[in-house]
């Protein structure tokens, strides 16, 4: 994926639009129920910290071409995705194991890797979006007329 696409996805996530990942090889019953999309809403800072801990503790990195490495770490990849989908402290505490198993058995491996890579890349692009948000706020403050101040002598 190119950097501009990742930044666009990170911006959509910050704008609370969320990101949808269509599952092309989803089982038939999921397609009928229209559950063949995984949606990740705007991530809370605690969620990002939670899945970053897993990435750091398992020393996961983006070896996309190393299929054997990804196969060995598929459970950790599913856990990271499950945490991102749940996005709530209580839900993460209660349902991470169930979602992890469901992702492992129901979603094709290539789709899992694509979602994981996007999450990791968006985590790297978060610095860009944070700086952009800060600069936009500062520009609005500097360019807006000053309100509520009295002139001298009035």
N, C-alpha and C. Protein backbone atom coordinates (compact mmCIF):
# COMPACT_ATOMS: atom_id res chain seq x y z
N UNK A 1 0.83 -1.18 0.00
CA UNK A 1 0.00 0.00 0.00
C UNK A 1 0.87 1.24 0.00
N UNK A 2 0.43 2.25 -0.71
CA UNK A 2 1.21 3.47 -0.73
C UNK A 2 0.89 4.32 0.49
N UNK A 3 1.79 5.26 0.76
CA UNK A 3 1.69 6.06 1.97
C UNK A 3 0.46 6.96 1.97
N UNK A 4 0.10 7.48 0.81
CA UNK A 4 -1.07 8.36 0.73
C UNK A 4 -2.35 7.61 1.10
N UNK A 5 -2.47 6.36 0.66
CA UNK A 5 -3.65 5.55 0.97
C UNK A 5 -3.73 5.29 2.47
N UNK A 6 -2.59 5.00 3.10
CA UNK A 6 -2.56 4.75 4.54
C UNK A 6 -2.95 6.01 5.30
N UNK A 7 -2.44 7.17 4.88
CA UNK A 7 -2.78 8.41 5.55
C UNK A 7 -4.26 8.74 5.41
N UNK A 8 -4.83 8.42 4.24
CA UNK A 8 -6.26 8.63 4.03
C UNK A 8 -7.08 7.74 4.96
N UNK A 9 -6.67 6.49 5.11
CA UNK A 9 -7.37 5.59 6.02
C UNK A 9 -7.25 6.06 7.47
N UNK A 10 -6.07 6.54 7.86
CA UNK A 10 -5.88 7.05 9.22
C UNK A 10 -6.75 8.28 9.45
N UNK A 11 -6.84 9.14 8.44
CA UNK A 11 -7.69 10.33 8.58
C UNK A 11 -9.16 9.94 8.70
N UNK A 12 -9.61 8.97 7.91
CA UNK A 12 -10.99 8.49 8.02
C UNK A 12 -11.26 7.92 9.40
N UNK A 13 -10.27 7.24 9.94
CA UNK A 13 -10.42 6.66 11.27
C UNK A 13 -10.53 7.76 12.32
N UNK A 14 -9.72 8.82 12.16
CA UNK A 14 -9.79 9.93 13.10
C UNK A 14 -11.10 10.69 12.97
N UNK A 15 -11.66 10.74 11.78
CA UNK A 15 -12.93 11.43 11.57
C UNK A 15 -14.11 10.57 11.97
N UNK A 16 -13.83 9.44 12.58
CA UNK A 16 -14.83 8.51 13.10
C UNK A 16 -15.71 7.91 12.00
N UNK A 17 -15.19 7.84 10.80
CA UNK A 17 -15.92 7.15 9.73
C UNK A 17 -15.66 5.66 9.79
N UNK A 18 -14.52 5.32 10.31
CA UNK A 18 -14.16 3.91 10.39
C UNK A 18 -13.61 3.40 9.07
N UNK A 19 -13.13 2.18 9.12
CA UNK A 19 -12.59 1.53 7.93
C UNK A 19 -13.29 0.19 7.80
N UNK A 20 -13.71 -0.12 6.59
CA UNK A 20 -14.34 -1.41 6.31
C UNK A 20 -13.41 -2.24 5.45
N UNK A 21 -13.25 -3.48 5.85
CA UNK A 21 -12.47 -4.43 5.09
C UNK A 21 -13.41 -5.49 4.55
N UNK A 22 -13.67 -5.49 3.26
CA UNK A 22 -14.55 -6.53 2.71
C UNK A 22 -13.82 -7.88 2.69
N UNK A 23 -14.51 -8.90 3.12
CA UNK A 23 -13.95 -10.25 3.13
C UNK A 23 -14.46 -10.96 1.87
N UNK A 24 -13.61 -11.07 0.89
CA UNK A 24 -14.00 -11.63 -0.40
C UNK A 24 -14.30 -13.13 -0.29
N UNK A 25 -13.49 -13.84 0.46
CA UNK A 25 -13.65 -15.29 0.59
C UNK A 25 -14.47 -15.68 1.81
N UNK A 26 -15.37 -14.82 2.24
CA UNK A 26 -16.16 -15.10 3.44
C UNK A 26 -17.08 -16.30 3.19
N UNK A 27 -17.39 -17.05 4.24
CA UNK A 27 -18.34 -18.17 4.09
C UNK A 27 -19.70 -17.67 3.59
N UNK A 28 -20.42 -18.57 2.95
CA UNK A 28 -21.69 -18.22 2.30
C UNK A 28 -22.70 -17.63 3.27
N UNK A 29 -22.81 -18.22 4.48
CA UNK A 29 -23.81 -17.73 5.43
C UNK A 29 -23.48 -16.32 5.91
N UNK A 30 -22.20 -15.93 5.95
CA UNK A 30 -21.85 -14.57 6.32
C UNK A 30 -22.22 -13.59 5.21
N UNK A 31 -22.11 -14.04 3.96
CA UNK A 31 -22.50 -13.19 2.84
C UNK A 31 -24.01 -12.97 2.84
N UNK A 32 -24.77 -13.99 3.14
CA UNK A 32 -26.23 -13.86 3.17
C UNK A 32 -26.65 -12.89 4.27
N UNK A 33 -26.02 -12.98 5.43
CA UNK A 33 -26.35 -12.10 6.55
C UNK A 33 -25.69 -10.72 6.43
N UNK A 34 -24.97 -10.50 5.34
CA UNK A 34 -24.25 -9.25 5.10
C UNK A 34 -23.23 -8.96 6.20
N UNK A 35 -22.62 -10.00 6.69
CA UNK A 35 -21.58 -9.87 7.71
C UNK A 35 -20.20 -10.15 7.11
N UNK A 36 -20.08 -9.90 5.80
CA UNK A 36 -18.83 -10.19 5.13
C UNK A 36 -17.90 -8.98 5.10
N UNK A 37 -18.07 -8.07 6.06
CA UNK A 37 -17.19 -6.92 6.19
C UNK A 37 -16.76 -6.79 7.64
N UNK A 38 -15.50 -6.47 7.82
CA UNK A 38 -14.98 -6.18 9.15
C UNK A 38 -14.85 -4.68 9.24
N UNK A 39 -15.46 -4.09 10.26
CA UNK A 39 -15.41 -2.64 10.43
C UNK A 39 -14.60 -2.30 11.67
N UNK A 40 -13.67 -1.40 11.48
CA UNK A 40 -12.88 -0.91 12.61
C UNK A 40 -13.21 0.57 12.75
N UNK A 41 -13.83 0.92 13.88
CA UNK A 41 -14.23 2.31 14.13
C UNK A 41 -13.02 3.10 14.64
N UNK A 42 -13.25 4.37 14.94
CA UNK A 42 -12.17 5.22 15.44
C UNK A 42 -11.56 4.60 16.69
N UNK A 43 -10.28 4.36 16.65
CA UNK A 43 -9.60 3.68 17.76
C UNK A 43 -9.33 4.64 18.91
N UNK A 44 -9.61 4.15 20.09
CA UNK A 44 -9.32 4.92 21.30
C UNK A 44 -7.85 4.73 21.65
N UNK A 45 -7.26 5.70 22.35
CA UNK A 45 -5.84 5.57 22.70
C UNK A 45 -5.52 4.31 23.49
N UNK A 46 -6.43 3.88 24.36
CA UNK A 46 -6.21 2.65 25.13
C UNK A 46 -6.17 1.43 24.25
N UNK A 47 -6.99 1.43 23.20
CA UNK A 47 -7.00 0.31 22.26
C UNK A 47 -5.68 0.24 21.50
N UNK A 48 -5.21 1.40 21.06
CA UNK A 48 -3.93 1.43 20.34
C UNK A 48 -2.80 0.96 21.25
N UNK A 49 -2.83 1.39 22.52
CA UNK A 49 -1.81 0.95 23.47
C UNK A 49 -1.90 -0.55 23.71
N UNK A 50 -3.12 -1.06 23.79
CA UNK A 50 -3.32 -2.50 24.05
C UNK A 50 -2.75 -3.35 22.93
N UNK A 51 -3.09 -3.02 21.69
CA UNK A 51 -2.57 -3.87 20.62
C UNK A 51 -1.11 -3.59 20.32
N UNK A 52 -0.63 -2.39 20.67
CA UNK A 52 0.81 -2.12 20.53
C UNK A 52 1.62 -2.96 21.50
N UNK A 53 1.06 -3.19 22.70
CA UNK A 53 1.73 -4.06 23.67
C UNK A 53 1.90 -5.48 23.13
N UNK A 54 0.88 -5.97 22.45
CA UNK A 54 0.97 -7.31 21.87
C UNK A 54 2.01 -7.35 20.76
N UNK A 55 2.01 -6.33 19.92
CA UNK A 55 2.97 -6.28 18.82
C UNK A 55 4.40 -6.23 19.37
N UNK A 56 4.61 -5.44 20.43
CA UNK A 56 5.94 -5.32 21.01
C UNK A 56 6.34 -6.59 21.75
N UNK A 57 5.42 -7.15 22.54
CA UNK A 57 5.76 -8.34 23.33
C UNK A 57 6.02 -9.57 22.45
N UNK A 58 5.29 -9.70 21.36
CA UNK A 58 5.50 -10.84 20.46
C UNK A 58 6.53 -10.53 19.38
N UNK A 59 7.05 -9.29 19.39
CA UNK A 59 8.03 -8.83 18.41
C UNK A 59 7.55 -9.06 16.98
N UNK A 60 6.29 -8.68 16.75
CA UNK A 60 5.73 -8.79 15.41
C UNK A 60 6.22 -7.62 14.57
N UNK A 61 6.54 -7.90 13.36
CA UNK A 61 6.89 -6.83 12.44
C UNK A 61 6.29 -7.14 11.07
N UNK A 62 6.52 -6.29 10.14
CA UNK A 62 5.87 -6.42 8.84
C UNK A 62 6.72 -7.23 7.87
N UNK A 63 6.87 -8.49 8.14
CA UNK A 63 7.51 -9.39 7.18
C UNK A 63 6.42 -9.98 6.30
N UNK A 64 5.92 -9.18 5.40
CA UNK A 64 4.77 -9.59 4.60
C UNK A 64 5.13 -10.74 3.67
N UNK A 65 6.33 -10.75 3.18
CA UNK A 65 6.73 -11.79 2.23
C UNK A 65 7.12 -13.10 2.90
N UNK A 66 7.33 -13.07 4.20
CA UNK A 66 7.73 -14.27 4.93
C UNK A 66 6.48 -14.98 5.45
N UNK A 67 5.92 -15.83 4.61
CA UNK A 67 4.66 -16.51 4.94
C UNK A 67 4.81 -17.44 6.14
N UNK A 68 5.95 -18.07 6.27
CA UNK A 68 6.18 -18.98 7.40
C UNK A 68 6.16 -18.21 8.73
N UNK A 69 6.76 -17.03 8.75
CA UNK A 69 6.76 -16.19 9.95
C UNK A 69 5.33 -15.78 10.32
N UNK A 70 4.55 -15.39 9.32
CA UNK A 70 3.18 -14.98 9.57
C UNK A 70 2.32 -16.16 10.04
N UNK A 71 2.56 -17.35 9.49
CA UNK A 71 1.83 -18.54 9.92
C UNK A 71 2.10 -18.86 11.39
N UNK A 72 3.33 -18.66 11.81
CA UNK A 72 3.68 -18.95 13.20
C UNK A 72 3.01 -17.96 14.17
N UNK A 73 2.74 -16.76 13.70
CA UNK A 73 2.19 -15.72 14.56
C UNK A 73 0.74 -15.38 14.24
N UNK A 74 0.01 -16.29 13.62
CA UNK A 74 -1.36 -15.99 13.20
C UNK A 74 -2.28 -15.71 14.40
N UNK A 75 -2.06 -16.37 15.51
CA UNK A 75 -2.92 -16.13 16.68
C UNK A 75 -2.70 -14.72 17.22
N UNK A 76 -1.46 -14.27 17.26
CA UNK A 76 -1.19 -12.91 17.73
C UNK A 76 -1.76 -11.88 16.77
N UNK A 77 -1.68 -12.15 15.48
CA UNK A 77 -2.25 -11.25 14.47
C UNK A 77 -3.76 -11.15 14.66
N UNK A 78 -4.41 -12.29 14.88
CA UNK A 78 -5.85 -12.30 15.10
C UNK A 78 -6.22 -11.57 16.39
N UNK A 79 -5.39 -11.68 17.40
CA UNK A 79 -5.65 -11.00 18.67
C UNK A 79 -5.57 -9.48 18.49
N UNK A 80 -4.59 -9.02 17.72
CA UNK A 80 -4.45 -7.58 17.45
C UNK A 80 -5.68 -7.07 16.70
N UNK A 81 -6.13 -7.82 15.71
CA UNK A 81 -7.31 -7.42 14.94
C UNK A 81 -8.55 -7.43 15.82
N UNK A 82 -8.68 -8.45 16.67
CA UNK A 82 -9.84 -8.54 17.56
C UNK A 82 -9.89 -7.34 18.51
N UNK A 83 -8.76 -6.94 19.04
CA UNK A 83 -8.71 -5.78 19.93
C UNK A 83 -9.13 -4.51 19.19
N UNK A 84 -8.67 -4.37 17.96
CA UNK A 84 -9.03 -3.19 17.17
C UNK A 84 -10.53 -3.17 16.85
N UNK A 85 -11.11 -4.34 16.60
CA UNK A 85 -12.54 -4.40 16.30
C UNK A 85 -13.36 -4.08 17.55
N UNK A 86 -12.97 -4.61 18.70
CA UNK A 86 -13.74 -4.42 19.93
C UNK A 86 -13.67 -2.98 20.45
N UNK A 87 -12.47 -2.42 20.54
CA UNK A 87 -12.26 -0.99 20.80
C UNK A 87 -12.92 -0.47 22.08
N UNK A 88 -13.00 -1.29 23.09
CA UNK A 88 -13.56 -0.88 24.38
C UNK A 88 -12.90 -1.73 25.47
N UNK A 89 -12.57 -1.11 26.58
CA UNK A 89 -11.85 -1.83 27.63
C UNK A 89 -12.62 -3.05 28.12
N UNK A 90 -13.91 -2.89 28.35
CA UNK A 90 -14.72 -3.99 28.86
C UNK A 90 -14.87 -5.09 27.81
N UNK A 91 -15.16 -4.69 26.57
CA UNK A 91 -15.30 -5.68 25.50
C UNK A 91 -14.00 -6.42 25.27
N UNK A 92 -12.88 -5.69 25.32
CA UNK A 92 -11.58 -6.33 25.12
C UNK A 92 -11.33 -7.35 26.22
N UNK A 93 -11.64 -7.00 27.46
CA UNK A 93 -11.42 -7.92 28.58
C UNK A 93 -12.29 -9.17 28.46
N UNK A 94 -13.52 -9.02 27.97
CA UNK A 94 -14.46 -10.14 27.96
C UNK A 94 -14.42 -10.96 26.67
N UNK A 95 -14.24 -10.32 25.52
CA UNK A 95 -14.48 -10.99 24.25
C UNK A 95 -13.26 -11.21 23.35
N UNK A 96 -12.09 -10.82 23.79
CA UNK A 96 -10.91 -10.94 22.92
C UNK A 96 -10.66 -12.39 22.51
N UNK A 97 -10.74 -13.30 23.45
CA UNK A 97 -10.50 -14.71 23.14
C UNK A 97 -11.48 -15.27 22.13
N UNK A 98 -12.75 -14.93 22.29
CA UNK A 98 -13.78 -15.43 21.37
C UNK A 98 -13.57 -14.87 19.97
N UNK A 99 -13.32 -13.55 19.88
CA UNK A 99 -13.09 -12.93 18.58
C UNK A 99 -11.82 -13.46 17.91
N UNK A 100 -10.79 -13.70 18.72
CA UNK A 100 -9.54 -14.23 18.17
C UNK A 100 -9.78 -15.59 17.52
N UNK A 101 -10.47 -16.47 18.21
CA UNK A 101 -10.76 -17.81 17.66
C UNK A 101 -11.64 -17.71 16.42
N UNK A 102 -12.65 -16.83 16.46
CA UNK A 102 -13.54 -16.68 15.32
C UNK A 102 -12.77 -16.19 14.09
N UNK A 103 -11.90 -15.20 14.29
CA UNK A 103 -11.11 -14.69 13.17
C UNK A 103 -10.19 -15.77 12.61
N UNK A 104 -9.60 -16.57 13.51
CA UNK A 104 -8.68 -17.62 13.06
C UNK A 104 -9.39 -18.66 12.20
N UNK A 105 -10.62 -18.99 12.55
CA UNK A 105 -11.29 -20.08 11.86
C UNK A 105 -12.20 -19.63 10.72
N UNK A 106 -12.64 -18.38 10.73
CA UNK A 106 -13.64 -17.95 9.74
C UNK A 106 -13.10 -17.03 8.64
N UNK A 107 -12.02 -16.33 8.89
CA UNK A 107 -11.52 -15.34 7.94
C UNK A 107 -10.27 -15.89 7.25
N UNK A 108 -10.19 -15.76 5.93
CA UNK A 108 -9.01 -16.25 5.20
C UNK A 108 -7.72 -15.55 5.66
N UNK A 109 -6.65 -16.30 5.59
CA UNK A 109 -5.35 -15.84 6.07
C UNK A 109 -4.89 -14.57 5.36
N UNK A 110 -5.10 -14.49 4.06
CA UNK A 110 -4.65 -13.32 3.30
C UNK A 110 -5.36 -12.05 3.76
N UNK A 111 -6.64 -12.17 4.10
CA UNK A 111 -7.41 -11.02 4.58
C UNK A 111 -6.90 -10.58 5.95
N UNK A 112 -6.59 -11.54 6.81
CA UNK A 112 -6.06 -11.22 8.13
C UNK A 112 -4.75 -10.45 8.03
N UNK A 113 -3.88 -10.90 7.14
CA UNK A 113 -2.59 -10.23 6.96
C UNK A 113 -2.80 -8.82 6.43
N UNK A 114 -3.73 -8.65 5.50
CA UNK A 114 -4.01 -7.32 4.93
C UNK A 114 -4.51 -6.37 6.02
N UNK A 115 -5.41 -6.84 6.87
CA UNK A 115 -5.94 -5.99 7.95
C UNK A 115 -4.84 -5.66 8.95
N UNK A 116 -4.02 -6.65 9.30
CA UNK A 116 -2.93 -6.43 10.25
C UNK A 116 -1.93 -5.40 9.72
N UNK A 117 -1.55 -5.54 8.46
CA UNK A 117 -0.60 -4.60 7.86
C UNK A 117 -1.18 -3.19 7.86
N UNK A 118 -2.46 -3.06 7.55
CA UNK A 118 -3.10 -1.75 7.55
C UNK A 118 -3.10 -1.15 8.95
N UNK A 119 -3.41 -1.95 9.96
CA UNK A 119 -3.41 -1.45 11.34
C UNK A 119 -2.03 -0.96 11.76
N UNK A 120 -1.01 -1.74 11.44
CA UNK A 120 0.35 -1.35 11.82
C UNK A 120 0.78 -0.10 11.07
N UNK A 121 0.47 -0.04 9.78
CA UNK A 121 0.83 1.14 8.99
C UNK A 121 0.07 2.38 9.48
N UNK A 122 -1.20 2.22 9.85
CA UNK A 122 -1.96 3.36 10.36
C UNK A 122 -1.40 3.82 11.68
N UNK A 123 -0.91 2.90 12.48
CA UNK A 123 -0.29 3.26 13.74
C UNK A 123 0.94 4.13 13.49
N UNK A 124 1.68 3.82 12.43
CA UNK A 124 2.83 4.65 12.06
C UNK A 124 2.37 5.98 11.49
N UNK A 125 1.25 5.99 10.77
CA UNK A 125 0.74 7.23 10.17
C UNK A 125 0.05 8.10 11.19
N UNK A 126 -0.18 7.59 12.39
CA UNK A 126 -0.86 8.38 13.41
C UNK A 126 -0.05 9.61 13.77
N UNK A 127 1.27 9.52 13.72
CA UNK A 127 2.11 10.68 13.99
C UNK A 127 1.81 11.78 12.98
N UNK A 128 1.68 11.39 11.72
CA UNK A 128 1.37 12.36 10.66
C UNK A 128 0.04 13.03 10.93
N UNK A 129 -0.98 12.23 11.25
CA UNK A 129 -2.32 12.80 11.43
C UNK A 129 -2.39 13.65 12.70
N UNK A 130 -1.67 13.29 13.75
CA UNK A 130 -1.65 14.08 14.97
C UNK A 130 -1.03 15.45 14.70
N UNK A 131 0.09 15.45 13.99
CA UNK A 131 0.76 16.70 13.67
C UNK A 131 -0.13 17.56 12.77
N UNK A 132 -0.78 16.93 11.80
CA UNK A 132 -1.66 17.67 10.90
C UNK A 132 -2.82 18.28 11.66
N UNK A 133 -3.42 17.54 12.58
CA UNK A 133 -4.52 18.05 13.38
C UNK A 133 -4.07 19.23 14.24
N UNK A 134 -2.90 19.10 14.84
CA UNK A 134 -2.37 20.17 15.68
C UNK A 134 -2.12 21.43 14.86
N UNK A 135 -1.49 21.27 13.69
CA UNK A 135 -1.20 22.44 12.85
C UNK A 135 -2.49 23.09 12.34
N UNK A 136 -3.48 22.30 12.00
CA UNK A 136 -4.76 22.85 11.55
C UNK A 136 -5.41 23.67 12.66
N UNK A 137 -5.38 23.16 13.88
CA UNK A 137 -5.95 23.88 15.02
C UNK A 137 -5.20 25.18 15.27
N UNK A 138 -3.87 25.13 15.19
CA UNK A 138 -3.08 26.33 15.40
C UNK A 138 -3.34 27.38 14.33
N UNK A 139 -3.48 26.95 13.08
CA UNK A 139 -3.76 27.88 11.99
C UNK A 139 -5.12 28.55 12.19
N UNK A 140 -6.11 27.79 12.61
CA UNK A 140 -7.43 28.37 12.87
C UNK A 140 -7.36 29.40 13.98
N UNK A 141 -6.59 29.11 15.02
CA UNK A 141 -6.46 30.05 16.13
C UNK A 141 -5.74 31.31 15.70
N UNK A 142 -4.70 31.17 14.91
CA UNK A 142 -3.92 32.32 14.50
C UNK A 142 -4.66 33.18 13.48
N UNK A 143 -5.46 32.57 12.63
CA UNK A 143 -6.13 33.32 11.57
C UNK A 143 -7.51 33.83 11.96
N UNK A 144 -8.04 33.40 13.08
CA UNK A 144 -9.38 33.85 13.48
C UNK A 144 -9.28 35.22 14.14
N UNK A 145 -10.32 36.04 13.96
CA UNK A 145 -10.28 37.37 14.60
C UNK A 145 -10.38 37.23 16.12
N UNK A 146 -9.73 38.12 16.79
CA UNK A 146 -9.76 38.07 18.25
C UNK A 146 -11.10 38.60 18.74
N UNK A 147 -11.76 37.82 19.54
CA UNK A 147 -13.08 38.16 20.03
C UNK A 147 -13.01 38.37 21.54
N UNK A 148 -13.76 39.34 22.02
CA UNK A 148 -13.86 39.51 23.47
C UNK A 148 -12.81 40.40 24.06
N UNK A 149 -11.95 41.01 23.27
CA UNK A 149 -10.95 41.91 23.81
C UNK A 149 -11.39 43.34 23.58
N UNK A 150 -11.19 44.17 24.56
CA UNK A 150 -11.57 45.58 24.44
C UNK A 150 -10.38 46.38 23.92
N UNK A 151 -10.72 47.36 23.14
CA UNK A 151 -9.68 48.27 22.65
C UNK A 151 -9.37 49.30 23.74
N UNK A 152 -8.20 49.77 23.67
CA UNK A 152 -7.77 50.79 24.61
C UNK A 152 -8.50 52.10 24.31
N UNK A 153 -9.07 52.70 25.29
CA UNK A 153 -9.74 53.97 25.12
C UNK A 153 -11.21 53.84 24.75
N UNK A 154 -11.79 52.66 24.77
CA UNK A 154 -13.21 52.55 24.43
C UNK A 154 -14.07 52.46 25.65
